[in-house]
């Protein structure tokens, strides 16, 4: 399966997650999918400064992506790379 197909599947998952984030004033952007299948996203809006955003990322975004697109090796929120 090519990266284009994986990208479509990742974007579909993010579209399903997005309304929940937007309900609280946040959003999520797909930054990139690396050649070694690491998905990089950025939480934006209220999610960027929310104290619960790491939990939201782990339980919602990361878990949702890994369950729906098992080829993914890792999911990284670029907001939290230095934490």
N, C-alpha and C. Protein backbone atom coordinates (compact mmCIF):
# COMPACT_ATOMS: atom_id res chain seq x y z
N UNK A 1 0.85 -1.18 0.00
CA UNK A 1 0.00 0.00 0.00
C UNK A 1 0.89 1.24 0.00
N UNK A 2 0.57 2.18 -0.85
CA UNK A 2 1.39 3.38 -0.97
C UNK A 2 1.04 4.44 0.07
N UNK A 3 1.95 5.41 0.17
CA UNK A 3 1.74 6.49 1.13
C UNK A 3 0.51 7.33 0.79
N UNK A 4 0.13 7.41 -0.48
CA UNK A 4 -1.06 8.18 -0.84
C UNK A 4 -2.31 7.56 -0.22
N UNK A 5 -2.40 6.25 -0.25
CA UNK A 5 -3.55 5.56 0.34
C UNK A 5 -3.54 5.71 1.86
N UNK A 6 -2.38 5.60 2.46
CA UNK A 6 -2.27 5.78 3.90
C UNK A 6 -2.65 7.21 4.27
N UNK A 7 -2.20 8.18 3.49
CA UNK A 7 -2.53 9.58 3.77
C UNK A 7 -4.05 9.79 3.72
N UNK A 8 -4.72 9.19 2.74
CA UNK A 8 -6.17 9.31 2.64
C UNK A 8 -6.84 8.74 3.89
N UNK A 9 -6.35 7.60 4.35
CA UNK A 9 -6.93 6.97 5.54
C UNK A 9 -6.66 7.80 6.79
N UNK A 10 -5.46 8.37 6.90
CA UNK A 10 -5.13 9.23 8.04
C UNK A 10 -6.04 10.46 8.03
N UNK A 11 -6.19 11.09 6.88
CA UNK A 11 -7.03 12.28 6.78
C UNK A 11 -8.48 11.97 7.14
N UNK A 12 -8.96 10.79 6.77
CA UNK A 12 -10.32 10.41 7.12
C UNK A 12 -10.48 10.29 8.64
N UNK A 13 -9.51 9.68 9.30
CA UNK A 13 -9.55 9.57 10.76
C UNK A 13 -9.55 10.97 11.39
N UNK A 14 -8.67 11.84 10.90
CA UNK A 14 -8.60 13.19 11.45
C UNK A 14 -9.90 13.95 11.24
N UNK A 15 -10.56 13.73 10.11
CA UNK A 15 -11.85 14.38 9.85
C UNK A 15 -12.91 13.90 10.86
N UNK A 16 -12.81 12.65 11.28
CA UNK A 16 -13.75 12.13 12.27
C UNK A 16 -13.46 12.67 13.67
N UNK A 17 -12.21 12.96 13.97
CA UNK A 17 -11.80 13.48 15.28
C UNK A 17 -12.03 14.98 15.36
N UNK A 18 -11.86 15.66 14.26
CA UNK A 18 -11.88 17.13 14.20
C UNK A 18 -13.12 17.77 14.87
N UNK A 19 -14.34 17.28 14.65
CA UNK A 19 -15.49 17.95 15.28
C UNK A 19 -15.41 17.99 16.81
N UNK A 20 -14.85 16.97 17.42
CA UNK A 20 -14.71 16.95 18.87
C UNK A 20 -13.73 18.02 19.34
N UNK A 21 -12.66 18.19 18.61
CA UNK A 21 -11.69 19.22 18.95
C UNK A 21 -12.27 20.62 18.70
N UNK A 22 -12.97 20.77 17.59
CA UNK A 22 -13.54 22.07 17.24
C UNK A 22 -14.62 22.49 18.23
N UNK A 23 -15.31 21.52 18.83
CA UNK A 23 -16.35 21.84 19.81
C UNK A 23 -15.77 22.56 21.02
N UNK A 24 -14.49 22.33 21.28
CA UNK A 24 -13.80 22.99 22.39
C UNK A 24 -12.88 24.12 21.92
N UNK A 25 -13.02 24.55 20.68
CA UNK A 25 -12.23 25.66 20.17
C UNK A 25 -10.87 25.28 19.61
N UNK A 26 -10.64 24.00 19.39
CA UNK A 26 -9.36 23.54 18.86
C UNK A 26 -9.50 22.97 17.47
N UNK A 27 -8.41 22.42 16.99
CA UNK A 27 -8.39 21.76 15.68
C UNK A 27 -7.10 20.95 15.58
N UNK A 28 -6.96 20.26 14.47
CA UNK A 28 -5.77 19.45 14.24
C UNK A 28 -5.39 19.54 12.78
N UNK A 29 -4.10 19.63 12.51
CA UNK A 29 -3.58 19.68 11.15
C UNK A 29 -2.61 18.53 10.94
N UNK A 30 -2.70 17.89 9.79
CA UNK A 30 -1.71 16.89 9.39
C UNK A 30 -0.51 17.64 8.86
N UNK A 31 0.65 17.45 9.49
CA UNK A 31 1.87 18.13 9.07
C UNK A 31 2.58 17.30 8.01
N UNK A 32 2.79 16.02 8.30
CA UNK A 32 3.43 15.14 7.31
C UNK A 32 3.33 13.70 7.73
N UNK A 33 3.51 12.83 6.75
CA UNK A 33 3.69 11.40 7.00
C UNK A 33 5.05 11.08 6.41
N UNK A 34 5.97 10.67 7.27
CA UNK A 34 7.33 10.40 6.81
C UNK A 34 7.39 9.09 6.04
N UNK A 35 8.51 8.88 5.36
CA UNK A 35 8.70 7.65 4.59
C UNK A 35 8.67 6.40 5.48
N UNK A 36 9.06 6.57 6.75
CA UNK A 36 9.04 5.43 7.67
C UNK A 36 7.73 5.37 8.47
N UNK A 37 6.68 6.02 7.93
CA UNK A 37 5.31 5.96 8.44
C UNK A 37 5.13 6.52 9.85
N UNK A 38 5.78 7.64 10.09
CA UNK A 38 5.54 8.42 11.30
C UNK A 38 4.61 9.56 10.90
N UNK A 39 3.48 9.64 11.58
CA UNK A 39 2.51 10.68 11.30
C UNK A 39 2.77 11.86 12.24
N UNK A 40 2.93 13.04 11.66
CA UNK A 40 3.16 14.24 12.45
C UNK A 40 1.94 15.14 12.31
N UNK A 41 1.37 15.52 13.47
CA UNK A 41 0.22 16.39 13.49
C UNK A 41 0.50 17.58 14.39
N UNK A 42 -0.34 18.61 14.26
CA UNK A 42 -0.24 19.77 15.13
C UNK A 42 -1.62 20.09 15.67
N UNK A 43 -1.72 20.14 16.99
CA UNK A 43 -2.95 20.58 17.62
C UNK A 43 -2.94 22.10 17.62
N UNK A 44 -4.04 22.70 17.18
CA UNK A 44 -4.10 24.15 17.04
C UNK A 44 -5.26 24.73 17.83
N UNK A 45 -5.36 26.05 17.83
CA UNK A 45 -6.43 26.72 18.53
C UNK A 45 -6.33 26.48 20.03
N UNK A 46 -7.48 26.28 20.66
CA UNK A 46 -7.51 26.07 22.11
C UNK A 46 -6.74 24.81 22.52
N UNK A 47 -6.64 23.84 21.61
CA UNK A 47 -5.92 22.60 21.94
C UNK A 47 -4.43 22.83 22.17
N UNK A 48 -3.90 23.86 21.57
CA UNK A 48 -2.47 24.14 21.71
C UNK A 48 -2.11 24.53 23.14
N UNK A 49 -3.02 25.20 23.85
CA UNK A 49 -2.72 25.69 25.19
C UNK A 49 -3.47 24.95 26.30
N UNK A 50 -4.32 24.02 25.93
CA UNK A 50 -5.15 23.32 26.91
C UNK A 50 -4.31 22.35 27.74
N UNK A 51 -4.50 22.35 29.06
CA UNK A 51 -3.73 21.43 29.91
C UNK A 51 -4.07 19.96 29.66
N UNK A 52 -5.19 19.68 29.02
CA UNK A 52 -5.59 18.30 28.74
C UNK A 52 -5.21 17.85 27.33
N UNK A 53 -4.54 18.69 26.58
CA UNK A 53 -4.27 18.38 25.18
C UNK A 53 -3.37 17.16 25.00
N UNK A 54 -2.44 16.92 25.90
CA UNK A 54 -1.60 15.73 25.78
C UNK A 54 -2.46 14.48 25.95
N UNK A 55 -3.38 14.51 26.90
CA UNK A 55 -4.28 13.37 27.09
C UNK A 55 -5.20 13.19 25.88
N UNK A 56 -5.70 14.30 25.36
CA UNK A 56 -6.54 14.25 24.16
C UNK A 56 -5.76 13.63 23.01
N UNK A 57 -4.51 14.06 22.88
CA UNK A 57 -3.68 13.53 21.80
C UNK A 57 -3.48 12.02 21.96
N UNK A 58 -3.06 11.59 23.15
CA UNK A 58 -2.76 10.16 23.38
C UNK A 58 -4.01 9.30 23.24
N UNK A 59 -5.08 9.67 23.93
CA UNK A 59 -6.27 8.83 23.98
C UNK A 59 -7.15 8.94 22.74
N UNK A 60 -7.17 10.11 22.13
CA UNK A 60 -8.03 10.32 20.98
C UNK A 60 -7.33 10.20 19.65
N UNK A 61 -6.38 11.06 19.44
CA UNK A 61 -5.72 11.15 18.13
C UNK A 61 -4.81 9.95 17.88
N UNK A 62 -3.85 9.72 18.77
CA UNK A 62 -2.89 8.63 18.56
C UNK A 62 -3.59 7.28 18.52
N UNK A 63 -4.45 7.03 19.49
CA UNK A 63 -5.15 5.73 19.53
C UNK A 63 -6.04 5.54 18.31
N UNK A 64 -6.75 6.59 17.92
CA UNK A 64 -7.63 6.50 16.76
C UNK A 64 -6.87 6.22 15.47
N UNK A 65 -5.75 6.90 15.30
CA UNK A 65 -4.95 6.68 14.09
C UNK A 65 -4.34 5.28 14.06
N UNK A 66 -3.77 4.84 15.17
CA UNK A 66 -3.13 3.52 15.20
C UNK A 66 -4.15 2.39 15.03
N UNK A 67 -5.36 2.57 15.57
CA UNK A 67 -6.39 1.54 15.40
C UNK A 67 -6.90 1.48 13.98
N UNK A 68 -7.06 2.63 13.34
CA UNK A 68 -7.63 2.68 12.00
C UNK A 68 -6.61 2.48 10.89
N UNK A 69 -5.36 2.84 11.17
CA UNK A 69 -4.30 2.72 10.17
C UNK A 69 -3.12 2.00 10.85
N UNK A 70 -3.22 0.68 11.00
CA UNK A 70 -2.20 -0.05 11.77
C UNK A 70 -0.79 -0.03 11.16
N UNK A 71 -0.67 0.38 9.91
CA UNK A 71 0.66 0.47 9.30
C UNK A 71 1.51 1.57 9.93
N UNK A 72 0.85 2.53 10.56
CA UNK A 72 1.57 3.65 11.17
C UNK A 72 2.48 3.15 12.28
N UNK A 73 3.71 3.62 12.27
CA UNK A 73 4.69 3.22 13.28
C UNK A 73 4.61 4.09 14.53
N UNK A 74 4.30 5.38 14.33
CA UNK A 74 4.32 6.32 15.44
C UNK A 74 3.48 7.53 15.06
N UNK A 75 2.88 8.15 16.06
CA UNK A 75 2.15 9.41 15.87
C UNK A 75 2.78 10.44 16.78
N UNK A 76 3.14 11.59 16.21
CA UNK A 76 3.83 12.64 16.95
C UNK A 76 3.05 13.93 16.81
N UNK A 77 2.80 14.59 17.95
CA UNK A 77 2.24 15.94 17.92
C UNK A 77 3.41 16.88 18.01
N UNK A 78 3.64 17.68 16.97
CA UNK A 78 4.84 18.53 16.97
C UNK A 78 4.81 19.55 18.09
N UNK A 79 3.61 19.83 18.63
CA UNK A 79 3.50 20.75 19.78
C UNK A 79 4.20 20.19 21.01
N UNK A 80 4.28 18.86 21.12
CA UNK A 80 4.76 18.21 22.33
C UNK A 80 6.10 17.50 22.15
N UNK A 81 6.77 17.71 21.04
CA UNK A 81 8.02 16.99 20.77
C UNK A 81 9.08 17.24 21.85
N UNK A 82 9.05 18.41 22.45
CA UNK A 82 10.08 18.74 23.44
C UNK A 82 9.67 18.46 24.87
N UNK A 83 8.48 17.88 25.05
CA UNK A 83 8.01 17.57 26.42
C UNK A 83 8.48 16.21 26.85
